[in-house]
């Protein structure tokens, strides 16, 4: 049975950078970005996409920060419990 990695150097905020074949989600983001060039505000402005591994290493949290229509700041957090 595989076990999760548990080492103190993993405790951090890890940022994601997109590289590779575009998914449907990435194509949608690209389309919205191109459309927003013609508007006085961006439809979606992704501020941060990352993974947070906490000190207890029993949980990981995915965080997406986005500004919608240049007005609303939205933070989506997804938590996961790691089993040993």
Protein backbone atom coordinates (compact mmCIF):
# COMPACT_ATOMS: atom_id res chain seq x y z
CA UNK A 1 0.00 0.00 0.00
CA UNK A 2 1.53 3.37 -0.98
CA UNK A 3 2.06 5.87 1.82
CA UNK A 4 2.00 9.67 1.49
CA UNK A 5 5.32 11.50 1.65
CA UNK A 6 5.91 13.13 5.03
CA UNK A 7 8.96 15.33 5.26
CA UNK A 8 9.26 18.80 6.85
CA UNK A 9 10.56 20.32 3.61
CA UNK A 10 7.17 19.62 1.98
CA UNK A 11 5.45 22.12 4.32
CA UNK A 12 4.91 25.14 2.11
CA UNK A 13 2.68 26.97 -0.32
CA UNK A 14 3.28 25.47 -3.75
CA UNK A 15 2.22 27.47 -6.82
CA UNK A 16 1.00 25.82 -10.00
CA UNK A 17 2.17 26.81 -13.44
CA UNK A 18 0.39 25.47 -16.51
CA UNK A 19 2.54 23.61 -19.02
CA UNK A 20 1.32 20.97 -21.40
CA UNK A 21 -1.69 20.19 -23.53
CA UNK A 22 -4.61 22.59 -22.94
CA UNK A 23 -7.65 21.08 -21.27
CA UNK A 24 -11.21 22.27 -21.81
CA UNK A 25 -10.86 24.41 -18.67
CA UNK A 26 -7.67 26.05 -19.94
CA UNK A 27 -9.27 26.68 -23.35
CA UNK A 28 -12.20 28.38 -21.61
CA UNK A 29 -9.85 30.55 -19.53
CA UNK A 30 -7.95 31.51 -22.70
CA UNK A 31 -11.18 32.39 -24.50
CA UNK A 32 -12.42 34.52 -21.58
CA UNK A 33 -9.05 36.29 -21.43
CA UNK A 34 -9.20 37.12 -25.14
CA UNK A 35 -12.77 38.41 -24.87
CA UNK A 36 -11.89 40.52 -21.83
CA UNK A 37 -9.30 42.43 -23.90
CA UNK A 38 -12.25 44.20 -25.55
CA UNK A 39 -13.93 45.08 -22.24
CA UNK A 40 -12.94 47.70 -19.67
CA UNK A 41 -12.42 44.89 -17.12
CA UNK A 42 -11.24 41.29 -17.10
CA UNK A 43 -13.93 38.62 -16.83
CA UNK A 44 -11.68 36.29 -14.84
CA UNK A 45 -8.34 37.28 -13.37
CA UNK A 46 -6.64 34.31 -11.72
CA UNK A 47 -4.55 35.67 -8.86
CA UNK A 48 -3.23 32.44 -7.35
CA UNK A 49 -3.52 28.72 -7.93
CA UNK A 50 -1.66 26.67 -5.37
CA UNK A 51 -1.39 23.82 -2.92
CA UNK A 52 -0.73 24.35 0.78
CA UNK A 53 0.81 21.54 2.82
CA UNK A 54 0.53 22.36 6.53
CA UNK A 55 2.83 21.55 9.42
CA UNK A 56 0.80 18.57 10.58
CA UNK A 57 1.03 17.06 7.06
CA UNK A 58 -2.27 15.31 7.61
CA UNK A 59 -4.04 17.76 5.36
CA UNK A 60 -3.45 19.46 2.03
CA UNK A 61 -5.41 22.45 0.78
CA UNK A 62 -5.89 23.50 -2.83
CA UNK A 63 -6.46 27.25 -3.19
CA UNK A 64 -7.69 29.20 -6.22
CA UNK A 65 -7.98 32.99 -5.93
CA UNK A 66 -9.77 34.76 -8.78
CA UNK A 67 -11.28 38.20 -9.40
CA UNK A 68 -14.57 38.02 -11.30
CA UNK A 69 -15.57 40.87 -13.64
CA UNK A 70 -13.00 43.13 -12.02
CA UNK A 71 -15.20 43.47 -8.92
CA UNK A 72 -15.58 40.31 -6.84
CA UNK A 73 -12.69 38.49 -5.22
CA UNK A 74 -13.45 34.78 -4.90
CA UNK A 75 -11.38 32.20 -3.03
CA UNK A 76 -12.06 28.52 -3.60
CA UNK A 77 -10.45 26.17 -1.09
CA UNK A 78 -10.55 22.40 -1.31
CA UNK A 79 -9.17 20.40 1.64
CA UNK A 80 -8.00 16.83 1.63
CA UNK A 81 -7.13 14.50 4.46
CA UNK A 82 -4.09 12.29 3.91
CA UNK A 83 -4.20 8.83 5.40
CA UNK A 84 -1.20 6.88 6.57
